[in-house]
Amino acid sequence: AGPVSRPQPAGPPTPAVPDPMPPGRYRVASATYDFGDSAVAIPGFPIKVELRGVVHYPVRPRGHRFPLVLFLHGRHATCGSGEEISLDWPCPKRLRPIPSYRGYDYLARHLASHGYVVVSISANAINARDNEVQDFGMAARARLIQRH
């Protein structure tokens, strides 16, 4: 038998891209828009849906262009108050829309500081009624993205 060599510890991996965790060089501004709970008719979907979102963007001199990132939240409850939640749309008067599209604000602000325009859109109406269409709202979500 030949000599046995001991395994050597591996060094830290060399990152292929800059670390995205430190804040970027841009100051960030935000704007929201809300055209109501029943603003858009989507072909093949049983109800009109909301057109609501938030935009986080780098503050920059005029004429600069930045890439766009779009977030669409997951499927879950649409309305709530305290312990009570529901999948209704529009929300009953005793409940308020759950602002799931704002759940990405922390990441959107961070990306905007690195030079991205980030839009996060609400899809509560689709979540509430997606079980009424054969594709469970996939096409409606795609069309909602296109409307934004």
C-alpha atoms as a PDB file:
ATOM      1  CA  ALA A   1       0.000   0.000   0.000  1.00  0.00           C
ATOM      2  CA  GLY A   2       1.196   3.493  -0.848  1.00  0.00           C
ATOM      3  CA  PRO A   3       1.372   6.516   1.396  1.00  0.00           C
ATOM      4  CA  VAL A   4      -1.916   7.969   2.598  1.00  0.00           C
ATOM      5  CA  SER A   5      -2.398  11.684   2.139  1.00  0.00           C
ATOM      6  CA  ARG A   6      -4.513  13.741   4.446  1.00  0.00           C
ATOM      7  CA  PRO A   7      -7.375  15.750   2.956  1.00  0.00           C
ATOM      8  CA  GLN A   8      -6.683  19.453   2.919  1.00  0.00           C
ATOM      9  CA  PRO A   9      -9.373  21.920   3.978  1.00  0.00           C
ATOM     10  CA  ALA A  10     -10.827  23.858   1.090  1.00  0.00           C
ATOM     11  CA  GLY A  11     -10.437  27.609   1.122  1.00  0.00           C
ATOM     12  CA  PRO A  12     -13.427  29.896   0.908  1.00  0.00           C
ATOM     13  CA  PRO A  13     -15.034  29.947  -2.532  1.00  0.00           C
ATOM     14  CA  THR A  14     -14.237  32.920  -4.695  1.00  0.00           C
ATOM     15  CA  PRO A  15     -17.447  34.769  -5.579  1.00  0.00           C
ATOM     16  CA  ALA A  16     -18.156  35.050  -9.297  1.00  0.00           C
ATOM     17  CA  VAL A  17     -20.133  38.275  -8.824  1.00  0.00           C
ATOM     18  CA  PRO A  18     -19.931  41.086  -6.271  1.00  0.00           C
ATOM     19  CA  ASP A  19     -21.626  40.434  -2.944  1.00  0.00           C
ATOM     20  CA  PRO A  20     -25.215  41.718  -3.343  1.00  0.00           C
ATOM     21  CA  MET A  21     -25.796  42.162   0.382  1.00  0.00           C
ATOM     22  CA  PRO A  22     -24.203  45.566   1.033  1.00  0.00           C
ATOM     23  CA  PRO A  23     -26.496  48.440   0.040  1.00  0.00           C
ATOM     24  CA  GLY A  24     -25.839  49.792  -3.411  1.00  0.00           C
ATOM     25  CA  ARG A  25     -24.751  53.270  -4.408  1.00  0.00           C
ATOM     26  CA  TYR A  26     -28.191  54.684  -5.247  1.00  0.00           C
ATOM     27  CA  ARG A  27     -30.644  56.387  -2.934  1.00  0.00           C
ATOM     28  CA  VAL A  28     -34.071  54.771  -3.245  1.00  0.00           C
ATOM     29  CA  ALA A  29     -37.509  56.310  -3.743  1.00  0.00           C
ATOM     30  CA  SER A  30     -40.874  54.538  -3.788  1.00  0.00           C
ATOM     31  CA  ALA A  31     -44.310  55.191  -5.227  1.00  0.00           C
ATOM     32  CA  THR A  32     -47.559  53.272  -4.894  1.00  0.00           C
ATOM     33  CA  TYR A  33     -50.495  53.097  -7.256  1.00  0.00           C
ATOM     34  CA  ASP A  34     -54.014  51.822  -6.665  1.00  0.00           C
ATOM     35  CA  PHE A  35     -56.820  51.867  -9.218  1.00  0.00           C
ATOM     36  CA  GLY A  36     -59.234  49.948  -6.993  1.00  0.00           C
ATOM     37  CA  ASP A  37     -60.325  46.417  -6.190  1.00  0.00           C
ATOM     38  CA  SER A  38     -62.157  45.870  -9.496  1.00  0.00           C
ATOM     39  CA  ALA A  39     -60.095  47.877 -11.974  1.00  0.00           C
ATOM     40  CA  VAL A  40     -59.230  45.340 -14.674  1.00  0.00           C
ATOM     41  CA  ALA A  41     -61.253  42.780 -16.603  1.00  0.00           C
ATOM     42  CA  ILE A  42     -59.143  39.767 -17.520  1.00  0.00           C
ATOM     43  CA  PRO A  43     -60.469  37.587 -20.353  1.00  0.00           C
ATOM     44  CA  GLY A  44     -61.641  34.211 -19.050  1.00  0.00           C
ATOM     45  CA  PHE A  45     -61.522  35.219 -15.383  1.00  0.00           C
ATOM     46  CA  PRO A  46     -64.844  35.414 -13.474  1.00  0.00           C
ATOM     47  CA  ILE A  47     -64.363  38.826 -11.801  1.00  0.00           C
ATOM     48  CA  LYS A  48     -62.574  42.104 -12.337  1.00  0.00           C
ATOM     49  CA  VAL A  49     -59.299  42.306 -10.432  1.00  0.00           C
ATOM     50  CA  GLU A  50     -57.323  45.003  -8.643  1.00  0.00           C
ATOM     51  CA  LEU A  51     -54.600  47.058 -10.284  1.00  0.00           C
ATOM     52  CA  ARG A  52     -52.376  47.900  -7.331  1.00  0.00           C
ATOM     53  CA  GLY A  53     -48.658  47.911  -6.726  1.00  0.00           C
ATOM     54  CA  VAL A  54     -45.565  49.594  -5.414  1.00  0.00           C
ATOM     55  CA  VAL A  55     -42.498  50.729  -7.352  1.00  0.00           C
ATOM     56  CA  HIS A  56     -39.060  51.089  -5.744  1.00  0.00           C
ATOM     57  CA  TYR A  57     -36.499  52.831  -7.923  1.00  0.00           C
ATOM     58  CA  PRO A  58     -33.021  54.313  -7.779  1.00  0.00           C
ATOM     59  CA  VAL A  59     -32.868  58.087  -7.511  1.00  0.00           C
ATOM     60  CA  ARG A  60     -30.772  59.137 -10.484  1.00  0.00           C
ATOM     61  CA  PRO A  61     -30.144  61.949 -12.907  1.00  0.00           C
ATOM     62  CA  ARG A  62     -32.513  62.179 -15.866  1.00  0.00           C
ATOM     63  CA  GLY A  63     -31.760  59.951 -18.809  1.00  0.00           C
ATOM     64  CA  HIS A  64     -30.470  56.925 -16.913  1.00  0.00           C
ATOM     65  CA  ARG A  65     -32.174  53.619 -17.623  1.00  0.00           C
ATOM     66  CA  PHE A  66     -32.211  50.652 -15.281  1.00  0.00           C
ATOM     67  CA  PRO A  67     -33.411  47.042 -15.604  1.00  0.00           C
ATOM     68  CA  LEU A  68     -36.881  46.108 -14.356  1.00  0.00           C
ATOM     69  CA  VAL A  69     -37.669  43.401 -11.799  1.00  0.00           C
ATOM     70  CA  LEU A  70     -41.299  42.406 -11.202  1.00  0.00           C
ATOM     71  CA  PHE A  71     -42.541  40.555  -8.115  1.00  0.00           C
ATOM     72  CA  LEU A  72     -45.854  38.712  -7.871  1.00  0.00           C
ATOM     73  CA  HIS A  73     -46.705  37.372  -4.406  1.00  0.00           C
ATOM     74  CA  GLY A  74     -47.834  33.821  -3.712  1.00  0.00           C
ATOM     75  CA  ARG A  75     -51.281  32.325  -3.211  1.00  0.00           C
ATOM     76  CA  HIS A  76     -52.805  32.708   0.225  1.00  0.00           C
ATOM     77  CA  ALA A  77     -55.504  34.559   2.156  1.00  0.00           C
ATOM     78  CA  THR A  78     -56.682  37.839   0.649  1.00  0.00           C
ATOM     79  CA  CYS A  79     -58.477  39.608   3.505  1.00  0.00           C
ATOM     80  CA  GLY A  80     -58.022  39.807   7.228  1.00  0.00           C
ATOM     81  CA  SER A  81     -58.475  41.574  10.535  1.00  0.00           C
ATOM     82  CA  GLY A  82     -56.916  40.356  13.756  1.00  0.00           C
ATOM     83  CA  GLU A  83     -57.281  36.577  13.859  1.00  0.00           C
ATOM     84  CA  GLU A  84     -59.908  36.401  11.089  1.00  0.00           C
ATOM     85  CA  ILE A  85     -58.800  35.805   7.497  1.00  0.00           C
ATOM     86  CA  SER A  86     -60.642  34.924   4.304  1.00  0.00           C
ATOM     87  CA  LEU A  87     -60.260  34.258   0.597  1.00  0.00           C
ATOM     88  CA  ASP A  88     -63.068  36.646  -0.375  1.00  0.00           C
ATOM     89  CA  TRP A  89     -62.757  39.394  -2.982  1.00  0.00           C
ATOM     90  CA  PRO A  90     -63.564  42.167  -2.647  1.00  0.00           C
ATOM     91  CA  CYS A  91     -63.098  41.930   1.101  1.00  0.00           C
ATOM     92  CA  PRO A  92     -66.172  41.988   3.348  1.00  0.00           C
ATOM     93  CA  LYS A  93     -66.548  45.322   5.168  1.00  0.00           C
ATOM     94  CA  ARG A  94     -65.290  43.878   8.456  1.00  0.00           C
ATOM     95  CA  LEU A  95     -61.991  42.798   6.831  1.00  0.00           C
ATOM     96  CA  ARG A  96     -59.198  44.617   5.004  1.00  0.00           C
ATOM     97  CA  PRO A  97     -57.145  43.497   1.993  1.00  0.00           C
ATOM     98  CA  ILE A  98     -53.911  41.804   3.040  1.00  0.00           C
ATOM     99  CA  PRO A  99     -51.094  43.805   1.384  1.00  0.00           C
ATOM    100  CA  SER A 100     -49.048  40.759   0.368  1.00  0.00           C
ATOM    101  CA  TYR A 101     -47.446  42.704  -2.474  1.00  0.00           C
ATOM    102  CA  ARG A 102     -45.678  44.816   0.195  1.00  0.00           C
ATOM    103  CA  GLY A 103     -43.973  41.728   1.619  1.00  0.00           C
ATOM    104  CA  TYR A 104     -41.077  42.208  -0.790  1.00  0.00           C
ATOM    105  CA  ASP A 105     -40.366  45.845   0.136  1.00  0.00           C
ATOM    106  CA  TYR A 106     -37.138  44.986   1.961  1.00  0.00           C
ATOM    107  CA  LEU A 107     -35.712  43.171  -1.068  1.00  0.00           C
ATOM    108  CA  ALA A 108     -37.103  45.670  -3.574  1.00  0.00           C
ATOM    109  CA  ARG A 109     -35.441  48.594  -1.768  1.00  0.00           C
ATOM    110  CA  HIS A 110     -32.180  46.690  -1.676  1.00  0.00           C
ATOM    111  CA  LEU A 111     -32.312  45.891  -5.395  1.00  0.00           C
ATOM    112  CA  ALA A 112     -33.211  49.498  -6.198  1.00  0.00           C
ATOM    113  CA  SER A 113     -30.113  50.634  -4.306  1.00  0.00           C
ATOM    114  CA  HIS A 114     -28.142  48.516  -6.777  1.00  0.00           C
ATOM    115  CA  GLY A 115     -29.764  50.089  -9.816  1.00  0.00           C
ATOM    116  CA  TYR A 116     -32.956  48.114 -10.469  1.00  0.00           C
ATOM    117  CA  VAL A 117     -36.490  49.412 -10.831  1.00  0.00           C
ATOM    118  CA  VAL A 118     -38.636  46.969  -8.853  1.00  0.00           C
ATOM    119  CA  VAL A 119     -42.420  46.654  -9.155  1.00  0.00           C
ATOM    120  CA  SER A 120     -44.389  44.436  -6.781  1.00  0.00           C
ATOM    121  CA  ILE A 121     -48.012  43.848  -7.761  1.00  0.00           C
ATOM    122  CA  SER A 122     -51.098  42.659  -5.912  1.00  0.00           C
ATOM    123  CA  ALA A 123     -53.049  39.613  -7.086  1.00  0.00           C
ATOM    124  CA  ASN A 124     -55.514  39.084  -4.242  1.00  0.00           C
ATOM    125  CA  ALA A 125     -58.564  38.945  -6.521  1.00  0.00           C
ATOM    126  CA  ILE A 126     -56.993  36.161  -8.559  1.00  0.00           C
ATOM    127  CA  ASN A 127     -56.061  34.250  -5.399  1.00  0.00           C
ATOM    128  CA  ALA A 128     -59.654  34.530  -4.187  1.00  0.00           C
ATOM    129  CA  ARG A 129     -61.227  33.050  -7.319  1.00  0.00           C
ATOM    130  CA  ASP A 130     -58.526  31.027  -9.095  1.00  0.00           C
ATOM    131  CA  ASN A 131     -60.245  27.744  -8.196  1.00  0.00           C
ATOM    132  CA  GLU A 132     -63.069  28.716 -10.590  1.00  0.00           C
ATOM    133  CA  VAL A 133     -60.909  28.485 -13.719  1.00  0.00           C
ATOM    134  CA  GLN A 134     -59.343  25.382 -15.217  1.00  0.00           C
ATOM    135  CA  ASP A 135     -55.716  26.590 -14.991  1.00  0.00           C
ATOM    136  CA  PHE A 136     -56.141  27.827 -11.382  1.00  0.00           C
ATOM    137  CA  GLY A 137     -55.439  31.408 -12.395  1.00  0.00           C
ATOM    138  CA  MET A 138     -52.119  30.952 -14.191  1.00  0.00           C
ATOM    139  CA  ALA A 139     -53.236  32.786 -17.344  1.00  0.00           C
ATOM    140  CA  ALA A 140     -54.930  35.493 -15.272  1.00  0.00           C
ATOM    141  CA  ARG A 141     -51.700  36.092 -13.362  1.00  0.00           C
ATOM    142  CA  ALA A 142     -49.765  36.370 -16.626  1.00  0.00           C
ATOM    143  CA  ARG A 143     -52.306  38.843 -18.020  1.00  0.00           C
ATOM    144  CA  LEU A 144     -52.218  40.854 -14.795  1.00  0.00           C
ATOM    145  CA  ILE A 145     -48.435  41.120 -15.087  1.00  0.00           C
ATOM    146  CA  GLN A 146     -48.843  42.377 -18.655  1.00  0.00           C
ATOM    147  CA  ARG A 147     -51.322  45.036 -17.492  1.00  0.00           C
ATOM    148  CA  HIS A 148     -48.806  46.451 -15.056  1.00  0.00           C
END
